[in-house]
Amino acid sequence: METKIHSQLIYSILFKFISMLLVFVTTSITFKYLGKSDYGIWTTIYSIISWVYLLDFGFSNIIKTELPTITKDKIGKINTLITTIYVGIGIVALFILIIYLFLSLFVSVSDFLNIDSKVINFNFILFLNLVFSLSVLLIGNYKSLFVGILKSHLVEFSLMVIQLFILIFIFLLSKYDLFHGYSKVLIVSLVFGSVNILMSTCFTIYFFYTNKNIKISLKYFDLNVLKSKSNIGIKYFIIHICMIIIFSTDYLLIEKYFGPKEVANYDIVLKIYQVPMLLVISGLAPFWSIFSKKFAERQYRWIKRTLVIYNFCFLIFIVGTIILFFIIEKIIFWWLKTDLKIPSELLISISLYITFRSFTAMYNYFLNGVNKINLSLGLTIFGAIINIPICIALIKTNLGVSGIVVGTCISILPLCIVLPIQAFNIINKRIKNVIND
């Protein structure tokens, strides 16, 4: 088991690292292909649409938590769980589409974000991306299945393949000026959406081909499963909604108050800082299901040792973030051949933001894996409530874009403090109970 965990971690980090390199190259080409203003609009659309992937009412998280604890001999229970979750996600996707179409009759997103509809048909492109994302919301559930059977490295491999194909198509568009006369933002949207749907379909087929005992069929559908899991599912859903408010509204606030060019600057800096964060998160991804399994097996000392080792290893992350602060402008020039002058207060605030998010990842995985999320739920709701008002207040203090990032840091700071304390309290109590028994 230990060897399997180590190999998964290494492969996950390797695939994520390659994906990051591909993202860097893709971003450079896309930036030049679209231009700074259109790139800012595209990243705004992409940030809005990325919300959809979190709006599955926590169903995908139920698979990651429940599947590792079900023994392989109970294949009927596994098929019932997976089929019911797929049907549930399909219903959610349809519900989101209907809600969006209804709201679009009364609200224009382009008007709210001060985007000139004569320059770009923002609302149509946003709707197109929504359709793509809702399709991937269902088809892309293969990622939770691979995590559930403790093969999370295949998730990172699939994301690497998706990014590779996106790079190829964007490169061809840029080099040969294909589809001249059409909106470039529309073309980029078609590339990202089509590749994600096609590759997600292929990996879904691969999962069920290599796990022939696992099947999706309406005969396995059980409404009682949705009812019994609705409580935990709704909690995950609320957490996801709050995460959207905390982590994804930055783009919208920057677009509204500072314009698309500042969105582009922010996105470029954030992409660089996200590299170490995403490497950490990808390496930790297997631990959600591993913690669930280890906790069920009462291997509490192993869990505590893992958390302690993580804390020491995280010091390396902090050192790397400090080094990045001093060299990021050189990286941007080497990457985009553009001399961007980034305010030091923005770099400091993004450094803190990335550090906070990365540090809480392990504790989130542990608490999610053992179904102890009530405290996380409360703190996340609190952060979501204060996030936008704090960001707007800090904008008015002349902090500029960095004020928005500082507001986000303040919103997630309680999680950074409380979650590690909660995790160690839970595991120490379990160890003590075992000793007393």
Protein backbone atom coordinates (compact mmCIF):
# COMPACT_ATOMS: atom_id res chain seq x y z
CA MET A 1 0.00 0.00 0.00
CA GLU A 2 2.81 2.41 0.93
CA THR A 3 4.59 1.75 -2.38
CA LYS A 4 1.35 2.31 -4.28
CA ILE A 5 0.78 5.65 -2.54
CA HIS A 6 4.34 6.82 -3.26
CA SER A 7 4.16 5.84 -6.93
CA GLN A 8 0.81 7.58 -7.34
CA LEU A 9 2.19 10.72 -5.76
CA ILE A 10 5.26 10.73 -8.03
CA TYR A 11 3.26 10.09 -11.19
CA SER A 12 0.64 12.67 -10.22
CA ILE A 13 3.28 15.35 -9.68
CA LEU A 14 5.10 14.40 -12.89
CA PHE A 15 1.94 14.56 -15.02
CA LYS A 16 0.89 17.81 -13.35
CA PHE A 17 4.32 19.32 -13.96
CA ILE A 18 4.13 18.44 -17.66
CA SER A 19 0.60 19.85 -17.76
CA MET A 20 1.87 23.08 -16.24
CA LEU A 21 4.56 23.37 -18.91
CA LEU A 22 1.91 22.81 -21.57
CA VAL A 23 -0.33 25.43 -19.93
CA PHE A 24 2.52 27.95 -19.98
CA VAL A 25 3.16 27.41 -23.68
CA THR A 26 -0.57 27.43 -24.47
CA THR A 27 -1.09 30.65 -22.50
CA SER A 28 1.78 32.36 -24.31
CA ILE A 29 0.37 31.43 -27.73
CA THR A 30 -3.21 32.26 -26.73
CA PHE A 31 -2.11 35.63 -25.33
CA LYS A 32 -0.44 36.56 -28.61
CA TYR A 33 -3.30 35.14 -30.70
CA LEU A 34 -6.06 37.02 -28.86
CA GLY A 35 -4.27 40.19 -27.82
CA LYS A 36 -4.32 41.60 -24.30
CA SER A 37 -7.91 42.89 -24.27
CA ASP A 38 -9.53 39.78 -25.79
CA TYR A 39 -7.34 37.58 -23.58
CA GLY A 40 -8.73 39.41 -20.55
CA ILE A 41 -12.28 38.77 -21.81
CA TRP A 42 -11.49 35.10 -22.44
CA THR A 43 -10.07 34.56 -18.96
CA THR A 44 -13.15 36.24 -17.49
CA ILE A 45 -15.39 33.83 -19.41
CA TYR A 46 -13.24 30.88 -18.39
CA SER A 47 -13.35 31.90 -14.72
CA ILE A 48 -17.16 32.16 -14.83
CA ILE A 49 -17.54 28.80 -16.56
CA SER A 50 -15.13 27.09 -14.18
CA TRP A 51 -17.79 27.59 -11.51
CA VAL A 52 -19.97 25.01 -13.24
CA TYR A 53 -17.54 22.21 -12.41
CA LEU A 54 -18.22 22.81 -8.72
CA LEU A 55 -22.02 22.83 -9.05
CA ASP A 56 -22.70 19.08 -8.91
CA PHE A 57 -24.27 19.25 -5.44
CA GLY A 58 -21.28 17.36 -4.06
CA PHE A 59 -22.15 14.15 -5.95
CA SER A 60 -18.63 13.61 -7.31
CA ASN A 61 -17.20 14.05 -3.81
CA ILE A 62 -19.51 11.32 -2.53
CA ILE A 63 -17.89 8.88 -4.97
CA LYS A 64 -14.39 9.83 -3.78
CA THR A 65 -15.44 9.38 -0.15
CA GLU A 66 -17.69 6.33 -0.37
CA LEU A 67 -16.13 4.20 -3.13
CA PRO A 68 -12.85 3.38 -1.30
CA THR A 69 -14.80 2.04 1.70
CA ILE A 70 -16.93 -0.40 -0.34
CA THR A 71 -15.34 -3.84 -0.68
CA LYS A 72 -14.91 -5.19 -4.21
CA ASP A 73 -17.24 -8.11 -3.55
CA LYS A 74 -20.16 -5.70 -3.18
CA ILE A 75 -20.21 -4.81 -6.88
CA GLY A 76 -23.97 -4.25 -6.87
CA LYS A 77 -23.62 -1.54 -4.25
CA ILE A 78 -20.83 0.07 -6.28
CA ASN A 79 -22.92 0.07 -9.47
CA THR A 80 -25.91 1.52 -7.62
CA LEU A 81 -23.81 4.30 -6.14
CA ILE A 82 -22.15 5.25 -9.45
CA THR A 83 -25.30 5.02 -11.58
CA THR A 84 -27.32 7.06 -9.14
CA ILE A 85 -24.63 9.73 -8.91
CA TYR A 86 -24.40 9.98 -12.71
CA VAL A 87 -28.16 10.41 -12.99
CA GLY A 88 -28.05 12.99 -10.20
CA ILE A 89 -25.33 15.01 -11.95
CA GLY A 90 -27.29 14.84 -15.22
CA ILE A 91 -30.33 16.32 -13.46
CA VAL A 92 -28.18 19.06 -11.94
CA ALA A 93 -26.69 19.94 -15.35
CA LEU A 94 -30.14 20.26 -16.90
CA PHE A 95 -31.34 22.33 -13.96
CA ILE A 96 -28.39 24.76 -14.27
CA LEU A 97 -29.02 25.23 -17.99
CA ILE A 98 -32.70 26.01 -17.43
CA ILE A 99 -31.89 28.50 -14.66
CA TYR A 100 -29.31 30.25 -16.86
CA LEU A 101 -31.72 30.54 -19.80
CA PHE A 102 -34.39 31.97 -17.49
CA LEU A 103 -32.05 34.53 -15.91
CA SER A 104 -30.65 35.58 -19.30
CA LEU A 105 -34.12 36.91 -20.17
CA PHE A 106 -33.71 39.57 -17.49
CA VAL A 107 -29.95 40.05 -16.97
CA SER A 108 -27.21 40.76 -19.51
CA VAL A 109 -23.83 39.59 -18.21
CA SER A 110 -21.96 41.72 -20.73
CA ASP A 111 -23.76 44.87 -19.50
CA PHE A 112 -22.98 44.00 -15.87
CA LEU A 113 -19.27 43.59 -16.67
CA ASN A 114 -19.21 46.70 -18.88
CA ILE A 115 -18.24 44.73 -22.01
CA ASP A 116 -19.24 46.31 -25.33
CA SER A 117 -21.55 43.82 -27.08
CA LYS A 118 -20.80 45.52 -30.41
CA VAL A 119 -17.18 44.44 -30.16
CA ILE A 120 -17.82 40.84 -29.05
CA ASN A 121 -20.97 38.76 -28.60
CA PHE A 122 -20.03 38.00 -25.02
CA ASN A 123 -23.40 36.58 -23.98
CA PHE A 124 -23.52 34.02 -26.81
CA ILE A 125 -19.94 32.89 -26.23
CA LEU A 126 -20.66 32.58 -22.51
CA PHE A 127 -23.72 30.41 -23.27
CA LEU A 128 -21.70 28.21 -25.63
CA ASN A 129 -19.06 27.68 -22.95
CA LEU A 130 -21.80 26.89 -20.45
CA VAL A 131 -23.12 24.10 -22.69
CA PHE A 132 -19.60 22.69 -23.05
CA SER A 133 -19.01 22.87 -19.30
CA LEU A 134 -22.30 21.19 -18.38
CA SER A 135 -21.44 18.35 -20.75
CA VAL A 136 -18.03 17.96 -19.13
CA LEU A 137 -19.67 18.16 -15.68
CA LEU A 138 -21.34 14.85 -16.48
CA ILE A 139 -18.77 13.14 -18.72
CA GLY A 140 -15.81 14.37 -16.67
CA ASN A 141 -17.02 12.44 -13.63
CA TYR A 142 -14.49 9.76 -14.63
CA LYS A 143 -12.01 11.75 -12.52
CA SER A 144 -13.91 10.96 -9.32
CA LEU A 145 -14.12 7.30 -10.36
CA PHE A 146 -10.35 7.01 -10.78
CA VAL A 147 -9.77 8.74 -7.44
CA GLY A 148 -12.33 6.41 -5.86
CA ILE A 149 -10.42 3.30 -6.96
CA LEU A 150 -7.14 4.88 -5.79
CA LYS A 151 -5.78 5.63 -9.27
CA SER A 152 -5.74 9.41 -9.09
CA HIS A 153 -2.53 9.60 -11.16
CA LEU A 154 -4.66 8.69 -14.18
CA VAL A 155 -6.68 11.84 -13.57
CA GLU A 156 -3.54 13.95 -13.88
CA PHE A 157 -2.53 11.95 -16.95
CA SER A 158 -5.89 12.69 -18.59
CA LEU A 159 -5.57 16.41 -17.83
CA MET A 160 -2.09 16.37 -19.35
CA VAL A 161 -3.44 14.79 -22.55
CA ILE A 162 -6.27 17.33 -22.73
CA GLN A 163 -3.83 20.19 -22.36
CA LEU A 164 -1.56 18.73 -25.05
CA PHE A 165 -4.36 18.62 -27.62
CA ILE A 166 -5.48 22.14 -26.73
CA LEU A 167 -1.91 23.35 -27.27
CA ILE A 168 -1.73 21.67 -30.68
CA PHE A 169 -4.97 23.25 -31.90
CA ILE A 170 -4.18 26.71 -30.52
CA PHE A 171 -0.74 26.56 -32.15
CA LEU A 172 -2.29 25.68 -35.53
CA LEU A 173 -4.83 28.50 -35.19
CA SER A 174 -2.11 31.00 -34.39
CA LYS A 175 0.42 29.89 -36.98
CA TYR A 176 -1.90 29.55 -39.99
CA ASP A 177 -4.55 32.15 -39.01
CA LEU A 178 -7.32 29.61 -39.48
CA PHE A 179 -10.98 30.74 -39.52
CA HIS A 180 -9.98 34.29 -40.42
CA GLY A 181 -12.86 36.73 -39.94
CA TYR A 182 -14.46 34.85 -37.07
CA SER A 183 -14.28 35.96 -33.45
CA LYS A 184 -11.02 34.66 -32.02
CA VAL A 185 -12.55 34.33 -28.54
CA LEU A 186 -15.27 32.16 -30.08
CA ILE A 187 -12.71 29.96 -31.85
CA VAL A 188 -10.67 29.50 -28.67
CA SER A 189 -13.86 28.60 -26.81
CA LEU A 190 -14.67 25.93 -29.40
CA VAL A 191 -11.18 24.46 -29.07
CA PHE A 192 -11.24 24.25 -25.28
CA GLY A 193 -14.80 22.93 -25.14
CA SER A 194 -14.50 20.34 -27.92
CA VAL A 195 -11.19 18.91 -26.68
CA ASN A 196 -12.47 18.58 -23.12
CA ILE A 197 -15.63 16.76 -24.21
CA LEU A 198 -13.82 14.41 -26.59
CA MET A 199 -11.02 13.48 -24.18
CA SER A 200 -13.38 13.12 -21.22
CA THR A 201 -15.48 10.73 -23.26
CA CYS A 202 -12.41 8.69 -24.17
CA PHE A 203 -11.23 8.39 -20.55
CA THR A 204 -14.74 7.52 -19.39
CA ILE A 205 -14.83 4.67 -21.91
CA TYR A 206 -11.36 3.60 -20.77
CA PHE A 207 -12.45 3.47 -17.13
CA PHE A 208 -15.42 1.22 -17.76
CA TYR A 209 -13.44 -0.92 -20.24
CA THR A 210 -10.73 -1.60 -17.64
CA ASN A 211 -13.27 -2.08 -14.85
CA LYS A 212 -15.74 -4.36 -16.57
CA ASN A 213 -17.60 -5.25 -13.37
CA ILE A 214 -18.56 -1.61 -12.87
CA LYS A 215 -21.54 -0.64 -15.01
CA ILE A 216 -23.95 2.23 -15.41
CA SER A 217 -27.53 1.13 -16.01
CA LEU A 218 -30.89 2.57 -15.05
CA LYS A 219 -31.70 -0.74 -13.39
CA TYR A 220 -29.14 0.19 -10.73
CA PHE A 221 -30.63 3.63 -10.14
CA ASP A 222 -31.87 4.02 -6.58
CA LEU A 223 -33.49 7.27 -5.48
CA ASN A 224 -32.93 6.26 -1.88
CA VAL A 225 -29.18 6.61 -2.43
CA LEU A 226 -29.65 10.26 -3.40
CA LYS A 227 -31.89 10.78 -0.39
CA SER A 228 -29.50 9.09 2.04
CA LYS A 229 -26.50 10.99 0.65
CA SER A 230 -28.35 14.28 0.18
CA ASN A 231 -27.25 15.65 3.55
CA ILE A 232 -23.54 15.28 2.90
CA GLY A 233 -24.02 16.17 -0.77
CA ILE A 234 -25.73 19.45 0.09
CA LYS A 235 -22.91 20.30 2.50
CA TYR A 236 -20.34 19.76 -0.26
CA PHE A 237 -22.51 21.81 -2.60
CA ILE A 238 -22.68 24.75 -0.18
CA ILE A 239 -18.91 24.56 0.32
CA HIS A 240 -18.42 24.61 -3.44
CA ILE A 241 -20.69 27.62 -3.87
CA CYS A 242 -18.79 29.46 -1.15
CA MET A 243 -15.46 28.50 -2.76
CA ILE A 244 -16.72 30.00 -6.01
CA ILE A 245 -17.51 33.27 -4.26
CA ILE A 246 -14.15 33.35 -2.47
CA PHE A 247 -11.82 32.12 -5.21
CA SER A 248 -13.46 32.99 -8.51
CA THR A 249 -15.04 36.41 -8.09
CA ASP A 250 -11.63 38.10 -8.24
CA TYR A 251 -11.75 38.01 -12.03
CA LEU A 252 -15.22 39.55 -12.11
CA LEU A 253 -14.33 42.31 -9.66
CA ILE A 254 -11.15 43.15 -11.57
CA GLU A 255 -13.06 43.16 -14.87
CA LYS A 256 -15.77 45.42 -13.45
CA TYR A 257 -13.56 47.92 -11.60
CA PHE A 258 -10.30 47.88 -13.56
CA GLY A 259 -11.03 46.49 -17.06
CA PRO A 260 -9.91 43.47 -19.15
CA LYS A 261 -6.26 44.50 -19.41
CA GLU A 262 -5.85 44.33 -15.63
CA VAL A 263 -7.58 40.94 -15.72
CA ALA A 264 -4.91 39.80 -18.17
CA ASN A 265 -2.09 41.08 -15.91
CA TYR A 266 -3.62 39.38 -12.86
CA ASP A 267 -4.15 36.11 -14.73
CA ILE A 268 -0.56 36.01 -15.98
CA VAL A 269 0.89 36.51 -12.48
CA LEU A 270 -1.55 34.05 -10.92
CA LYS A 271 -0.76 31.37 -13.48
CA ILE A 272 2.91 31.46 -12.50
CA TYR A 273 2.18 31.38 -8.78
CA GLN A 274 -0.31 28.55 -9.27
CA VAL A 275 2.39 26.20 -10.58
CA PRO A 276 3.72 25.22 -7.11
CA MET A 277 0.18 25.20 -5.70
CA LEU A 278 -1.16 22.89 -8.39
CA LEU A 279 1.84 20.59 -8.01
CA VAL A 280 1.10 20.33 -4.30
CA ILE A 281 -2.61 19.74 -4.84
CA SER A 282 -2.02 17.13 -7.56
CA GLY A 283 0.44 15.29 -5.33
CA LEU A 284 -2.07 15.31 -2.48
CA ALA A 285 -5.06 14.30 -4.62
CA PRO A 286 -4.78 10.56 -3.83
CA PHE A 287 -5.01 11.29 -0.12
CA TRP A 288 -8.74 12.07 -0.15
CA SER A 289 -9.64 8.44 -0.80
CA ILE A 290 -6.55 7.11 1.02
CA PHE A 291 -7.53 8.94 4.22
CA SER A 292 -11.06 7.60 3.86
CA LYS A 293 -9.75 4.05 3.58
CA LYS A 294 -7.10 4.38 6.32
CA PHE A 295 -9.59 5.95 8.72
CA ALA A 296 -12.04 3.10 8.16
CA GLU A 297 -9.19 0.67 8.85
CA ARG A 298 -8.36 2.56 12.10
CA GLN A 299 -4.79 3.32 10.99
CA TYR A 300 -4.77 6.58 12.91
CA ARG A 301 -1.05 6.74 13.66
CA TRP A 302 -0.26 6.50 9.95
CA ILE A 303 -2.59 9.44 9.29
CA LYS A 304 -1.01 11.57 12.04
CA ARG A 305 2.50 10.80 10.81
CA THR A 306 1.49 11.80 7.29
CA LEU A 307 0.07 15.14 8.46
CA VAL A 308 3.20 15.94 10.48
CA ILE A 309 5.49 15.14 7.54
CA TYR A 310 3.34 17.37 5.33
CA ASN A 311 3.79 20.32 7.69
CA PHE A 312 7.58 20.03 7.54
CA CYS A 313 7.59 19.58 3.76
CA PHE A 314 5.45 22.67 3.35
CA LEU A 315 8.35 24.81 4.54
CA ILE A 316 9.97 24.08 1.16
CA PHE A 317 6.88 25.50 -0.54
CA ILE A 318 7.16 28.72 1.46
CA VAL A 319 10.84 29.13 0.52
CA GLY A 320 9.98 28.56 -3.15
CA THR A 321 7.26 31.22 -3.01
CA ILE A 322 9.69 33.74 -1.56
CA ILE A 323 12.22 33.04 -4.33
CA LEU A 324 9.47 33.38 -6.95
CA PHE A 325 8.67 36.87 -5.64
CA PHE A 326 12.11 38.11 -6.72
CA ILE A 327 12.29 36.49 -10.16
CA ILE A 328 8.71 36.56 -11.45
CA GLU A 329 9.13 39.59 -13.74
CA LYS A 330 12.06 37.87 -15.46
CA ILE A 331 9.94 34.73 -15.88
CA ILE A 332 7.12 36.77 -17.44
CA PHE A 333 9.53 38.45 -19.88
CA TRP A 334 11.06 35.10 -20.85
CA TRP A 335 7.61 33.55 -21.16
CA LEU A 336 5.59 36.22 -23.02
CA LYS A 337 8.36 38.49 -24.32
CA THR A 338 6.48 41.29 -22.57
CA ASP A 339 7.89 43.60 -19.91
CA LEU A 340 5.18 43.74 -17.23
CA LYS A 341 5.80 45.88 -14.16
CA ILE A 342 3.92 44.19 -11.34
CA PRO A 343 3.35 46.16 -8.10
CA SER A 344 5.14 44.52 -5.18
CA GLU A 345 1.98 44.66 -3.05
CA LEU A 346 0.17 42.54 -5.67
CA LEU A 347 2.98 39.97 -5.67
CA ILE A 348 2.97 39.79 -1.87
CA SER A 349 -0.81 39.40 -1.69
CA ILE A 350 -0.85 36.67 -4.34
CA SER A 351 2.03 34.89 -2.54
CA LEU A 352 -0.04 34.82 0.65
CA TYR A 353 -3.16 33.73 -1.26
CA ILE A 354 -1.38 30.79 -2.88
CA THR A 355 0.30 29.80 0.39
CA PHE A 356 -3.00 29.78 2.30
CA ARG A 357 -4.78 27.72 -0.36
CA SER A 358 -1.97 25.20 -0.65
CA PHE A 359 -1.52 24.72 3.09
CA THR A 360 -5.17 23.88 3.72
CA ALA A 361 -5.31 21.32 0.89
CA MET A 362 -4.07 18.34 2.93
CA TYR A 363 -6.37 19.10 5.85
CA ASN A 364 -9.33 19.55 3.53
CA TYR A 365 -8.62 16.15 1.98
CA PHE A 366 -8.39 14.52 5.41
CA LEU A 367 -11.57 16.11 6.77
CA ASN A 368 -13.48 15.43 3.56
CA GLY A 369 -12.24 11.84 3.47
CA VAL A 370 -13.47 11.15 7.02
CA ASN A 371 -16.70 13.11 6.59
CA LYS A 372 -15.90 15.78 9.18
CA ILE A 373 -16.85 18.90 7.25
CA ASN A 374 -19.28 20.80 9.47
CA LEU A 375 -16.61 23.18 10.77
CA SER A 376 -15.19 23.64 7.26
CA LEU A 377 -18.71 24.37 6.07
CA GLY A 378 -19.26 27.08 8.68
CA LEU A 379 -15.91 28.77 8.09
CA THR A 380 -16.33 28.66 4.31
CA ILE A 381 -19.79 30.23 4.55
CA PHE A 382 -18.34 32.95 6.79
CA GLY A 383 -15.54 33.58 4.28
CA ALA A 384 -18.00 33.80 1.38
CA ILE A 385 -20.18 36.31 3.26
CA ILE A 386 -17.34 38.70 4.04
CA ASN A 387 -15.33 38.23 0.82
CA ILE A 388 -16.94 40.62 -1.66
CA PRO A 389 -17.66 43.43 0.87
CA ILE A 390 -14.05 43.29 2.13
CA CYS A 391 -12.67 43.28 -1.44
CA ILE A 392 -14.78 46.28 -2.45
CA ALA A 393 -13.82 48.14 0.74
CA LEU A 394 -10.12 47.50 0.07
CA ILE A 395 -10.49 48.65 -3.55
CA LYS A 396 -11.67 52.01 -2.20
CA THR A 397 -8.50 52.32 -0.09
CA ASN A 398 -6.46 52.70 -3.29
CA LEU A 399 -4.88 49.25 -2.99
CA GLY A 400 -6.05 48.54 -6.53
CA VAL A 401 -6.11 44.95 -7.75
CA SER A 402 -4.04 43.82 -4.77
CA GLY A 403 -6.90 44.93 -2.50
CA ILE A 404 -9.09 42.24 -4.03
CA VAL A 405 -6.46 39.57 -3.39
CA VAL A 406 -5.94 40.77 0.19
CA GLY A 407 -9.70 40.51 0.73
CA THR A 408 -9.60 36.91 -0.47
CA CYS A 409 -6.69 36.14 1.90
CA ILE A 410 -8.65 37.53 4.84
CA SER A 411 -11.64 35.38 3.85
CA ILE A 412 -9.67 32.10 3.94
CA LEU A 413 -7.36 32.88 6.88
CA PRO A 414 -9.71 31.27 9.47
CA LEU A 415 -9.59 28.00 7.51
CA CYS A 416 -5.78 28.01 7.60
CA ILE A 417 -5.80 28.34 11.38
CA VAL A 418 -8.74 26.14 12.40
CA LEU A 419 -8.60 23.15 10.01
CA PRO A 420 -5.15 21.87 11.13
CA ILE A 421 -6.26 22.16 14.77
CA GLN A 422 -9.45 20.25 14.06
CA ALA A 423 -7.64 17.53 12.11
CA PHE A 424 -5.10 16.84 14.85
CA ASN A 425 -7.79 16.93 17.53
CA ILE A 426 -9.78 14.28 15.68
CA ILE A 427 -6.82 11.99 15.06
CA ASN A 428 -5.33 12.40 18.57
CA LYS A 429 -8.69 11.54 20.11
CA ARG A 430 -8.93 8.39 17.97
CA ILE A 431 -5.38 7.33 18.91
CA LYS A 432 -6.17 7.86 22.58
CA ASN A 433 -9.34 5.76 22.30
CA VAL A 434 -7.38 2.92 20.67
CA ILE A 435 -4.80 3.01 23.49
CA ASN A 436 -7.54 2.94 26.14
CA ASP A 437 -9.26 0.02 24.41
